């Protein structure tokens, strides 16, 4: 087989001489070779197409085609090779792989789905789908991803479940964020939309039909297991999961709370909707302003039938009663109407509370089942507690009390502890402390009051005793610190007094060695 350069030399020699033999001599080959390449060039065909040789797998190609046909082109080459070996095939696995690849290419030829670009109209189509969200508080969340087809405006809302109330709340919030309702909504064949298929025709969920009628929208579902029917929202799900779900690729940290995930979704929405789209070359937020004129108005009141039964939050206690149990709600909902429903069954049963605000229905609380007498309370649902009866602070009611409390924190502590201990004649002792503050330093008296409170010394002379013990008189050498036992001195009382026991008043005194310290 000649190389491309050699073939060009042969043809060039023939063009120069016009003789097959002369061209063969110049090119160093047979004149028959020159003739073959000249005829191939004149015929406009391939100059040097190799002839196919018979292979060991040729007798088995019919069986390979049968397996590819039966599996709709999904059979693996290694599986085919094992079957061929059992039938007596002695060729290599590499030959089998090449043969299977060729047969699969021929099988798929003519069966390839050709996608035509979808040219949408403003205000016509909204698509939504779900993606697996991150795990928050040990529970896996759901990412609701909606996509307005014409403007490419995306809305991502985190959900705790895919029940009808949660889906309805997400759709209502999406419509209000878009500023209108499109003509059609396209989604998957979830049980919340399609209950079953009969002869390939989807049977709609009656509650979804009521929801669609409330918002004047038509709900369609795509062909089952056909993500190409709604490629836009599939891309939205893929992008949302890549940016919001913590993985080794994006190095995101786990979310501490569901509110933190909601904030991350809001930030993601702002990012993707203000960024120029690669297809339209415009920002989706800018195109939404133009498309909003073609959307239908959103219903003034949200569809609340699926959110459960209504309850009115009392004006002074953020607790609602549902089926003999009490559940807390955020305190800013005092006096508001909420909807309560049950989610799940058995040990995982939960009570979900929804509030209808200006932005649509919002889940405000989710509790485990409560039992009578044991309410379910979330501390964050209540404001900081005011000063209670057990946390009273001394407040002066007259001039004498004001003078005493003015001494400092030690005086306040003494008053609190002395009152708790039931000390008698407290007003007299307070007046004595004020008088001592005039004789001594007020700070020293306040310090003594604090120590008296700590050690529970509330008797009449205790304050003066503490002051005398810790008083510092210059020049006297009086010890002002506490007495401590050392190797040279003991705190044990001496026995010198026992030496006079039984002796006359004029008797001999005990010697120094007879007494112990």
Protein backbone atom coordinates (compact mmCIF):
# COMPACT_ATOMS: atom_id res chain seq x y z
CA UNK A 1 0.00 0.00 0.00
CA UNK A 2 1.43 3.33 -1.08
CA UNK A 3 1.51 6.38 1.12
CA UNK A 4 -0.23 9.57 0.11
CA UNK A 5 3.11 11.17 -0.83
CA UNK A 6 4.08 8.21 -3.06
CA UNK A 7 0.70 8.29 -4.80
CA UNK A 8 1.10 11.99 -5.52
CA UNK A 9 4.57 11.32 -7.01
CA UNK A 10 3.19 8.57 -9.26
CA UNK A 11 0.39 10.80 -10.56
CA UNK A 12 2.80 13.70 -11.04
CA UNK A 13 5.17 11.48 -13.08
CA UNK A 14 2.30 10.31 -15.29
CA UNK A 15 1.14 13.89 -15.89
CA UNK A 16 4.71 14.81 -16.85
CA UNK A 17 5.43 11.90 -19.26
CA UNK A 18 1.98 10.77 -20.36
CA UNK A 19 3.27 7.18 -20.43
CA UNK A 20 2.55 4.44 -17.92
CA UNK A 21 5.93 2.79 -18.30
CA UNK A 22 7.89 6.07 -18.18
CA UNK A 23 5.95 7.18 -15.11
CA UNK A 24 6.68 3.80 -13.50
CA UNK A 25 10.38 4.22 -14.09
CA UNK A 26 10.37 7.75 -12.65
CA UNK A 27 8.33 6.75 -9.59
CA UNK A 28 10.12 3.43 -9.04
CA UNK A 29 7.11 1.16 -9.39
CA UNK A 30 5.35 -1.05 -11.87
CA UNK A 31 3.44 0.46 -14.78
CA UNK A 32 0.44 -1.59 -13.57
CA UNK A 33 0.50 0.36 -10.30
CA UNK A 34 0.60 3.61 -12.22
CA UNK A 35 -2.37 2.48 -14.30
CA UNK A 36 -4.44 1.58 -11.19
CA UNK A 37 -3.95 4.98 -9.55
CA UNK A 38 -4.57 6.87 -12.79
CA UNK A 39 -7.82 4.98 -13.41
CA UNK A 40 -8.94 5.55 -9.82
CA UNK A 41 -8.29 9.28 -10.16
CA UNK A 42 -10.17 9.47 -13.46
CA UNK A 43 -13.12 7.62 -11.91
CA UNK A 44 -13.25 10.13 -9.03
CA UNK A 45 -13.10 7.38 -6.41
CA UNK A 46 -10.84 6.60 -3.49
CA UNK A 47 -7.31 6.20 -4.73
CA UNK A 48 -6.25 3.46 -2.31
CA UNK A 49 -9.27 1.91 -0.55
CA UNK A 50 -8.25 -1.27 1.26
CA UNK A 51 -10.23 -4.35 0.45
CA UNK A 52 -12.11 -5.94 3.33
CA UNK A 53 -10.82 -9.34 4.31
CA UNK A 54 -13.02 -12.07 5.67
CA UNK A 55 -13.00 -12.25 9.48
CA UNK A 56 -13.75 -15.01 11.95
CA UNK A 57 -16.81 -13.16 13.23
CA UNK A 58 -18.50 -12.89 9.83
CA UNK A 59 -20.50 -16.14 10.21
CA UNK A 60 -21.82 -14.87 13.57
CA UNK A 61 -22.83 -11.34 12.50
CA UNK A 62 -26.44 -12.41 12.05
CA UNK A 63 -26.60 -13.48 15.70
CA UNK A 64 -25.02 -10.21 16.84
CA UNK A 65 -27.61 -8.24 14.84
CA UNK A 66 -30.37 -10.28 16.49
CA UNK A 67 -29.08 -9.49 19.99
CA UNK A 68 -28.72 -5.79 19.21
CA UNK A 69 -32.26 -5.72 17.81
CA UNK A 70 -33.74 -7.49 20.84
CA UNK A 71 -31.98 -5.17 23.29
CA UNK A 72 -32.81 -2.00 21.32
CA UNK A 73 -29.09 -1.36 20.89
CA UNK A 74 -28.23 -1.67 24.60
CA UNK A 75 -26.49 -5.06 24.70
CA UNK A 76 -22.88 -4.95 25.88
CA UNK A 77 -20.01 -6.20 23.74
CA UNK A 78 -18.58 -8.40 26.52
CA UNK A 79 -21.96 -10.13 26.88
CA UNK A 80 -22.05 -10.75 23.13
CA UNK A 81 -18.51 -12.15 23.21
CA UNK A 82 -19.38 -14.67 25.95
CA UNK A 83 -22.41 -15.82 23.97
CA UNK A 84 -20.37 -16.12 20.77
CA UNK A 85 -17.69 -18.20 22.51
CA UNK A 86 -20.42 -20.58 23.65
CA UNK A 87 -21.49 -20.86 20.00
CA UNK A 88 -17.98 -21.77 18.85
CA UNK A 89 -16.47 -18.39 18.06
CA UNK A 90 -12.66 -18.43 18.30
CA UNK A 91 -11.86 -14.80 17.54
CA UNK A 92 -10.63 -12.12 19.97
CA UNK A 93 -12.78 -9.93 22.17
CA UNK A 94 -11.39 -6.87 20.39
CA UNK A 95 -12.89 -8.07 17.10
CA UNK A 96 -16.19 -8.68 18.85
CA UNK A 97 -16.24 -5.16 20.26
CA UNK A 98 -15.62 -3.66 16.82
CA UNK A 99 -18.35 -5.78 15.25
CA UNK A 100 -20.89 -4.93 17.98
CA UNK A 101 -20.07 -1.22 17.66
CA UNK A 102 -20.62 -1.35 13.90
CA UNK A 103 -23.93 -3.18 14.26
CA UNK A 104 -25.12 -0.72 16.92
CA UNK A 105 -24.25 2.23 14.67
CA UNK A 106 -26.29 0.71 11.87
CA UNK A 107 -29.16 0.02 14.27
CA UNK A 108 -29.26 3.59 15.52
CA UNK A 109 -29.05 5.05 12.03
CA UNK A 110 -32.52 6.26 11.20
CA UNK A 111 -33.66 5.91 14.81
CA UNK A 112 -31.97 9.06 16.10
CA UNK A 113 -34.39 11.58 17.55
CA UNK A 114 -33.92 14.85 15.73
CA UNK A 115 -34.62 17.88 17.94
CA UNK A 116 -36.13 20.93 16.37
CA UNK A 117 -35.46 24.23 18.17
CA UNK A 118 -38.44 25.25 20.30
CA UNK A 119 -39.43 28.81 19.47
CA UNK A 120 -41.68 29.88 22.34
CA UNK A 121 -44.03 32.79 22.67
CA UNK A 122 -43.94 35.25 25.56
CA UNK A 123 -46.26 34.33 28.40
CA UNK A 124 -47.07 30.83 27.14
CA UNK A 125 -45.04 28.15 28.95
CA UNK A 126 -43.76 27.55 32.46
CA UNK A 127 -41.92 24.31 33.25
CA UNK A 128 -41.10 22.96 36.70
CA UNK A 129 -39.34 19.91 38.08
CA UNK A 130 -37.69 18.69 41.28
CA UNK A 131 -34.11 18.00 42.29
CA UNK A 132 -32.57 16.33 45.34
CA UNK A 133 -31.62 19.07 47.76
CA UNK A 134 -29.08 19.05 50.60
CA UNK A 135 -29.62 17.35 53.94
CA UNK A 136 -30.70 19.84 56.62
CA UNK A 137 -31.11 18.76 60.26
CA UNK A 138 -30.83 15.14 59.18
CA UNK A 139 -33.70 15.43 56.68
CA UNK A 140 -33.29 15.46 52.91
CA UNK A 141 -34.83 18.50 51.23
CA UNK A 142 -36.32 19.05 47.76
CA UNK A 143 -35.41 21.79 45.27
CA UNK A 144 -38.44 23.07 43.33
CA UNK A 145 -37.07 24.45 40.03
CA UNK A 146 -39.32 26.49 37.72
CA UNK A 147 -38.32 27.92 34.33
CA UNK A 148 -40.20 30.48 32.23
CA UNK A 149 -39.48 29.35 28.67
CA UNK A 150 -39.34 32.63 26.73
CA UNK A 151 -37.38 34.82 29.13
CA UNK A 152 -35.40 31.93 30.70
CA UNK A 153 -36.29 33.30 34.15
CA UNK A 154 -35.59 30.71 36.87
CA UNK A 155 -37.17 30.28 40.32
CA UNK A 156 -35.67 27.82 42.83
CA UNK A 157 -37.56 27.23 46.09
CA UNK A 158 -36.54 24.68 48.75
CA UNK A 159 -39.26 22.29 49.96
CA UNK A 160 -39.42 19.83 52.80
CA UNK A 161 -41.61 17.40 50.83
CA UNK A 162 -43.40 16.98 47.48
CA UNK A 163 -46.95 16.77 48.80
CA UNK A 164 -49.75 18.73 47.11
CA UNK A 165 -49.81 21.59 49.66
CA UNK A 166 -46.06 22.12 49.30
CA UNK A 167 -46.27 22.06 45.49
CA UNK A 168 -49.24 24.42 45.48
CA UNK A 169 -47.41 26.83 47.78
CA UNK A 170 -44.31 26.74 45.55
CA UNK A 171 -46.35 27.36 42.38
CA UNK A 172 -48.25 30.23 44.00
CA UNK A 173 -44.98 31.79 45.16
CA UNK A 174 -43.55 31.34 41.64
CA UNK A 175 -46.54 33.05 40.01
CA UNK A 176 -46.32 35.98 42.39
CA UNK A 177 -42.57 36.29 41.88
CA UNK A 178 -43.08 36.33 38.10
CA UNK A 179 -45.83 38.90 38.45
CA UNK A 180 -48.32 36.83 36.44
CA UNK A 181 -49.55 33.39 35.36
CA UNK A 182 -48.60 31.80 32.02
CA UNK A 183 -51.05 30.00 29.77
CA UNK A 184 -49.53 26.51 30.20
CA UNK A 185 -47.58 24.69 32.89
CA UNK A 186 -45.53 21.62 31.92
CA UNK A 187 -44.18 19.10 34.40
CA UNK A 188 -43.47 15.42 35.02
CA UNK A 189 -46.07 12.75 35.67
CA UNK A 190 -45.92 13.00 39.45
CA UNK A 191 -48.82 11.65 41.50
CA UNK A 192 -49.62 15.24 42.42
CA UNK A 193 -50.49 15.84 38.74
CA UNK A 194 -51.25 12.46 37.12
CA UNK A 195 -52.86 9.67 39.10
CA UNK A 196 -52.50 7.00 36.38
CA UNK A 197 -52.21 6.35 32.63
CA UNK A 198 -54.95 4.57 30.66
CA UNK A 199 -54.00 3.57 27.11
CA UNK A 200 -51.19 6.11 27.29
CA UNK A 201 -53.56 8.95 28.28
CA UNK A 202 -52.76 10.64 31.64
CA UNK A 203 -55.55 10.89 34.18
CA UNK A 204 -55.29 14.21 36.01
CA UNK A 205 -55.38 14.66 39.77
CA UNK A 206 -58.65 16.35 40.70
CA UNK A 207 -57.03 18.62 43.26
CA UNK A 208 -54.50 19.80 40.68
CA UNK A 209 -57.39 20.57 38.32
CA UNK A 210 -59.06 22.67 41.03
CA UNK A 211 -55.77 24.48 41.58
CA UNK A 212 -55.36 25.10 37.84
CA UNK A 213 -58.93 26.38 37.58
CA UNK A 214 -58.30 28.76 40.48
CA UNK A 215 -55.29 30.32 38.72
CA UNK A 216 -56.71 29.98 35.15
CA UNK A 217 -53.80 27.89 33.91
CA UNK A 218 -53.64 24.65 31.88
CA UNK A 219 -51.42 21.87 33.27
CA UNK A 220 -49.69 19.50 30.82
CA UNK A 221 -47.37 16.58 31.48
CA UNK A 222 -44.52 15.35 29.32
CA UNK A 223 -44.08 11.85 27.97
CA UNK A 224 -42.95 9.50 30.78
CA UNK A 225 -39.18 8.96 31.01
CA UNK A 226 -38.54 11.64 28.39
CA UNK A 227 -36.48 14.48 29.87
CA UNK A 228 -36.03 16.01 26.40
CA UNK A 229 -39.66 17.20 26.57
CA UNK A 230 -38.67 19.76 29.17
CA UNK A 231 -34.97 20.27 28.65
CA UNK A 232 -35.03 23.81 30.03
CA UNK A 233 -36.15 22.84 33.51
CA UNK A 234 -33.86 19.79 33.44
CA UNK A 235 -30.95 22.17 32.92
CA UNK A 236 -32.27 24.37 35.74
CA UNK A 237 -32.28 21.39 38.10
CA UNK A 238 -28.74 20.43 37.10
CA UNK A 239 -27.41 23.97 37.58
CA UNK A 240 -29.26 24.43 40.89
CA UNK A 241 -27.89 21.21 42.35
CA UNK A 242 -24.37 22.10 41.24
CA UNK A 243 -24.53 25.47 43.02
CA UNK A 244 -26.67 24.69 46.09
CA UNK A 245 -25.98 21.09 47.15
CA UNK A 246 -22.67 20.75 49.06
CA UNK A 247 -20.24 18.50 47.17
CA UNK A 248 -16.50 18.02 46.85
CA UNK A 249 -16.63 20.01 43.62
CA UNK A 250 -18.14 23.25 44.98
CA UNK A 251 -16.70 22.96 48.53
CA UNK A 252 -19.93 24.24 50.10
CA UNK A 253 -20.44 23.72 53.82
CA UNK A 254 -23.51 21.98 55.18
CA UNK A 255 -26.52 24.16 55.98
CA UNK A 256 -27.24 24.68 59.66
CA UNK A 257 -30.94 25.42 59.18
CA UNK A 258 -33.68 25.43 56.57
CA UNK A 259 -33.73 29.24 56.69
CA UNK A 260 -30.08 29.27 55.63
CA UNK A 261 -30.94 27.09 52.62
CA UNK A 262 -33.77 29.47 51.71
CA UNK A 263 -31.35 32.41 51.78
CA UNK A 264 -28.92 30.50 49.55
CA UNK A 265 -31.71 29.81 47.04
CA UNK A 266 -32.66 33.50 46.96
CA UNK A 267 -29.04 34.44 46.29
CA UNK A 268 -28.88 31.83 43.52
CA UNK A 269 -32.06 33.22 41.90
CA UNK A 270 -30.61 36.74 41.88
CA UNK A 271 -27.36 35.49 40.33
CA UNK A 272 -28.78 33.45 37.44
CA UNK A 273 -31.54 35.93 36.59
CA UNK A 274 -29.27 38.96 36.38
CA UNK A 275 -26.60 37.16 34.33
CA UNK A 276 -26.67 37.39 30.52
CA UNK A 277 -28.05 34.16 29.03
CA UNK A 278 -25.87 32.47 26.42
CA UNK A 279 -28.79 31.92 24.01
CA UNK A 280 -30.76 35.17 24.22
CA UNK A 281 -27.72 37.38 24.97
CA UNK A 282 -29.92 39.21 27.47
CA UNK A 283 -30.48 38.96 31.21
CA UNK A 284 -33.61 36.91 32.13
CA UNK A 285 -34.69 39.61 34.57
CA UNK A 286 -34.67 42.17 31.78
CA UNK A 287 -36.67 39.88 29.47
CA UNK A 288 -39.18 39.14 32.23
CA UNK A 289 -40.16 42.81 32.33
CA UNK A 290 -41.12 42.50 28.67
CA UNK A 291 -42.84 39.11 29.07
CA UNK A 292 -44.82 40.19 32.13
CA UNK A 293 -47.21 42.15 29.90
CA UNK A 294 -48.28 38.82 28.30
CA UNK A 295 -48.90 36.98 31.59
CA UNK A 296 -52.33 36.66 33.20
CA UNK A 297 -52.98 38.32 36.58
CA UNK A 298 -52.38 36.23 39.68
CA UNK A 299 -55.42 35.36 41.79
CA UNK A 300 -55.74 37.82 44.64
CA UNK A 301 -56.28 35.02 47.16
CA UNK A 302 -54.16 31.88 47.15
CA UNK A 303 -55.66 28.43 46.79
CA UNK A 304 -55.95 27.34 50.43
CA UNK A 305 -58.14 24.22 50.26
CA UNK A 306 -55.18 21.83 50.39
CA UNK A 307 -53.44 23.52 53.32
CA UNK A 308 -55.68 21.96 55.98
CA UNK A 309 -58.07 23.41 58.52
CA UNK A 310 -58.01 27.02 59.67
CA UNK A 311 -57.00 28.14 63.12
CA UNK A 312 -56.79 31.65 64.58
CA UNK A 313 -53.71 32.43 66.67
CA UNK A 314 -54.71 33.98 70.03
CA UNK A 315 -53.82 37.67 70.47
CA UNK A 316 -51.47 37.04 73.41
CA UNK A 317 -50.15 33.46 73.01
CA UNK A 318 -48.55 32.16 69.78
CA UNK A 319 -50.06 28.68 70.18
CA UNK A 320 -52.73 26.94 68.10
CA UNK A 321 -54.75 23.87 69.04
CA UNK A 322 -55.15 20.99 66.60
CA UNK A 323 -56.64 17.58 67.44
CA UNK A 324 -56.16 17.93 71.21
CA UNK A 325 -52.56 19.12 70.88
CA UNK A 326 -50.99 22.56 71.10
CA UNK A 327 -48.32 23.84 68.71
CA UNK A 328 -46.30 27.05 68.68
CA UNK A 329 -46.07 29.49 65.76
CA UNK A 330 -43.90 32.62 65.31
CA UNK A 331 -45.08 35.36 67.67
CA UNK A 332 -45.53 37.90 64.85
CA UNK A 333 -48.61 35.87 63.78
CA UNK A 334 -50.61 36.83 66.88
CA UNK A 335 -54.23 37.28 65.84
CA UNK A 336 -53.60 35.87 62.32
CA UNK A 337 -55.31 32.94 60.60
CA UNK A 338 -53.20 29.87 59.83
CA UNK A 339 -53.85 26.52 58.17
CA UNK A 340 -52.94 23.25 59.91
CA UNK A 341 -52.56 19.83 58.27
CA UNK A 342 -50.97 16.45 58.98
CA UNK A 343 -48.03 15.10 56.98
CA UNK A 344 -46.86 11.49 57.09
CA UNK A 345 -48.05 8.66 59.29
CA UNK A 346 -46.87 6.59 62.20
CA UNK A 347 -43.75 7.56 64.11
CA UNK A 348 -42.78 10.18 61.51
CA UNK A 349 -46.13 11.96 61.53
CA UNK A 350 -45.84 15.75 61.58
CA UNK A 351 -48.14 18.72 61.94
CA UNK A 352 -47.51 21.44 59.34
CA UNK A 353 -48.72 25.02 59.87
CA UNK A 354 -49.03 27.42 56.91
CA UNK A 355 -49.69 31.14 56.86
CA UNK A 356 -51.04 33.11 53.92
CA UNK A 357 -49.16 36.39 53.54
CA UNK A 358 -48.63 38.94 50.82
CA UNK A 359 -46.05 36.70 49.11
CA UNK A 360 -48.42 33.72 49.13
CA UNK A 361 -48.65 30.67 51.41
CA UNK A 362 -45.56 30.07 53.53
CA UNK A 363 -44.86 27.18 55.87
CA UNK A 364 -44.20 28.76 59.28
CA UNK A 365 -43.89 25.73 61.56
CA UNK A 366 -43.51 21.96 61.44
CA UNK A 367 -43.86 19.93 64.65
CA UNK A 368 -43.99 16.34 65.73
CA UNK A 369 -47.31 15.15 67.08
CA UNK A 370 -48.20 16.61 70.48
CA UNK A 371 -50.12 14.83 73.22
CA UNK A 372 -52.70 16.46 75.49
CA UNK A 373 -50.90 18.41 78.20
CA UNK A 374 -47.53 18.27 76.41
CA UNK A 375 -47.43 21.08 73.86
CA UNK A 376 -44.82 21.33 71.11
CA UNK A 377 -42.88 24.58 71.56
CA UNK A 378 -40.01 26.11 69.58
CA UNK A 379 -38.08 28.71 71.60
CA UNK A 380 -37.47 30.92 68.57
CA UNK A 381 -41.21 31.36 68.12
CA UNK A 382 -41.32 33.50 71.28
CA UNK A 383 -39.78 36.95 71.86
CA UNK A 384 -37.21 37.49 74.65
CA UNK A 385 -38.96 37.04 77.98
CA UNK A 386 -39.49 40.16 80.10
CA UNK A 387 -38.08 40.43 83.61
CA UNK A 388 -39.96 37.91 85.73
CA UNK A 389 -40.78 37.63 89.41
CA UNK A 390 -37.76 35.46 90.13
CA UNK A 391 -35.39 38.00 88.56
CA UNK A 392 -36.35 41.15 90.48
CA UNK A 393 -33.83 43.93 90.80
CA UNK A 394 -33.77 46.27 93.82
CA UNK A 395 -35.51 49.58 93.10
CA UNK A 396 -35.51 52.38 95.67
CA UNK A 397 -38.97 53.44 96.92
CA UNK A 398 -37.83 56.14 99.40
CA UNK A 399 -34.77 58.22 100.31
CA UNK A 400 -33.37 55.71 102.84
CA UNK A 401 -33.46 52.87 100.30
CA UNK A 402 -31.89 55.13 97.66
CA UNK A 403 -28.99 56.02 100.00
CA UNK A 404 -28.34 52.36 100.74
CA UNK A 405 -28.49 51.19 97.12
CA UNK A 406 -26.22 54.07 96.10
CA UNK A 407 -23.37 52.30 97.94
CA UNK A 408 -22.94 49.90 94.98
CA UNK A 409 -23.47 46.36 93.78
CA UNK A 410 -22.43 44.89 97.11
CA UNK A 411 -25.32 46.68 98.79
CA UNK A 412 -27.75 45.39 96.13
CA UNK A 413 -26.46 41.85 96.58
CA UNK A 414 -26.74 42.11 100.37
CA UNK A 415 -30.34 43.34 100.12
CA UNK A 416 -31.32 40.48 97.79
CA UNK A 417 -29.62 37.73 99.80
CA UNK A 418 -30.72 39.09 103.18
CA UNK A 419 -34.33 39.26 102.02
CA UNK A 420 -34.15 35.71 100.72
CA UNK A 421 -32.72 34.54 104.07
CA UNK A 422 -35.55 36.23 106.01
CA UNK A 423 -33.24 38.62 107.91
CA UNK A 424 -34.94 40.70 110.58
CA UNK A 425 -34.50 44.43 111.19
CA UNK A 426 -33.19 44.93 107.67
CA UNK A 427 -34.04 48.65 107.55
CA UNK A 428 -32.07 49.26 110.77
CA UNK A 429 -29.04 47.39 109.41
CA UNK A 430 -29.31 49.29 106.12
CA UNK A 431 -29.31 52.59 108.02
CA UNK A 432 -26.25 51.46 110.02
CA UNK A 433 -24.47 50.65 106.73
CA UNK A 434 -25.22 54.16 105.45
CA UNK A 435 -23.82 55.63 108.70
CA UNK A 436 -20.67 53.48 108.42
CA UNK A 437 -20.23 54.69 104.87
CA UNK A 438 -20.05 58.22 106.23
CA UNK A 439 -17.38 57.22 108.77
CA UNK A 440 -15.39 54.94 106.48
CA UNK A 441 -14.85 54.80 102.75
CA UNK A 442 -18.16 54.02 100.94
CA UNK A 443 -16.40 51.62 98.58
CA UNK A 444 -15.02 49.66 101.57
CA UNK A 445 -18.49 49.42 103.11
CA UNK A 446 -19.93 48.22 99.77
CA UNK A 447 -17.16 45.59 99.59
CA UNK A 448 -17.97 44.43 103.12
CA UNK A 449 -21.70 44.20 102.28
CA UNK A 450 -20.90 42.03 99.26
CA UNK A 451 -18.77 39.67 101.35
CA UNK A 452 -21.42 39.52 104.03
CA UNK A 453 -24.00 38.53 101.37
CA UNK A 454 -21.74 35.84 99.90
CA UNK A 455 -20.97 34.27 103.29
CA UNK A 456 -24.50 34.69 104.69
CA UNK A 457 -23.52 37.02 107.57
CA UNK A 458 -26.61 39.13 108.22
CA UNK A 459 -26.42 39.54 112.06
CA UNK A 460 -26.33 42.97 113.74
CA UNK A 461 -22.57 43.28 114.29
CA UNK A 462 -21.41 41.27 111.26
CA UNK A 463 -20.86 44.27 109.01
CA UNK A 464 -18.83 46.15 111.62
CA UNK A 465 -16.84 43.00 112.38
CA UNK A 466 -15.91 42.56 108.74
CA UNK A 467 -14.87 46.21 108.51
CA UNK A 468 -12.79 45.98 111.71
CA UNK A 469 -11.10 42.78 110.58
CA UNK A 470 -10.10 44.21 107.22
CA UNK A 471 -9.46 47.77 108.30
CA UNK A 472 -6.02 49.09 107.52
CA UNK A 473 -4.59 51.41 110.26
CA UNK A 474 -1.16 52.88 109.34
CA UNK A 475 1.60 52.50 112.00
CA UNK A 476 -0.11 49.86 114.15
CA UNK A 477 1.17 46.84 112.23
CA UNK A 478 -2.26 45.26 112.48
CA UNK A 479 -2.63 42.25 110.24
CA UNK A 480 -5.20 43.03 107.58
CA UNK A 481 -5.18 39.76 105.65
CA UNK A 482 -6.89 36.51 106.59
CA UNK A 483 -5.20 34.19 109.13
CA UNK A 484 -3.84 31.01 107.55
CA UNK A 485 -2.20 27.91 109.01
CA UNK A 486 1.50 27.47 108.22
CA UNK A 487 4.37 25.23 109.30
CA UNK A 488 5.23 27.69 112.11
CA UNK A 489 1.75 28.69 113.27
CA UNK A 490 -1.50 26.82 113.85
CA UNK A 491 -5.08 27.99 113.97
CA UNK A 492 -5.80 25.58 116.83
CA UNK A 493 -6.76 27.28 120.11
CA UNK A 494 -3.99 27.03 122.78
CA UNK A 495 -4.31 25.02 126.05
CA UNK A 496 -2.63 27.57 128.34
CA UNK A 497 -5.87 28.20 130.18
CA UNK A 498 -6.01 24.60 131.34
CA UNK A 499 -2.85 25.13 133.48
CA UNK A 500 -4.83 27.25 135.96
CA UNK A 501 -7.46 24.57 136.43
CA UNK A 502 -7.52 23.65 140.18
CA UNK A 503 -4.72 26.10 141.11
CA UNK A 504 -5.06 29.00 143.56
CA UNK A 505 -5.12 32.51 142.19
CA UNK A 506 -1.63 33.11 143.69
CA UNK A 507 -0.22 29.73 142.52
CA UNK A 508 2.67 29.28 140.14
CA UNK A 509 2.09 30.07 136.43
CA UNK A 510 2.54 27.42 133.77
CA UNK A 511 5.87 27.44 132.07
CA UNK A 512 6.29 28.15 128.40
CA UNK A 513 7.02 24.50 127.59
CA UNK A 514 3.75 23.39 129.16
CA UNK A 515 1.56 25.32 126.76
CA UNK A 516 1.08 24.52 123.11
CA UNK A 517 0.18 26.79 120.33
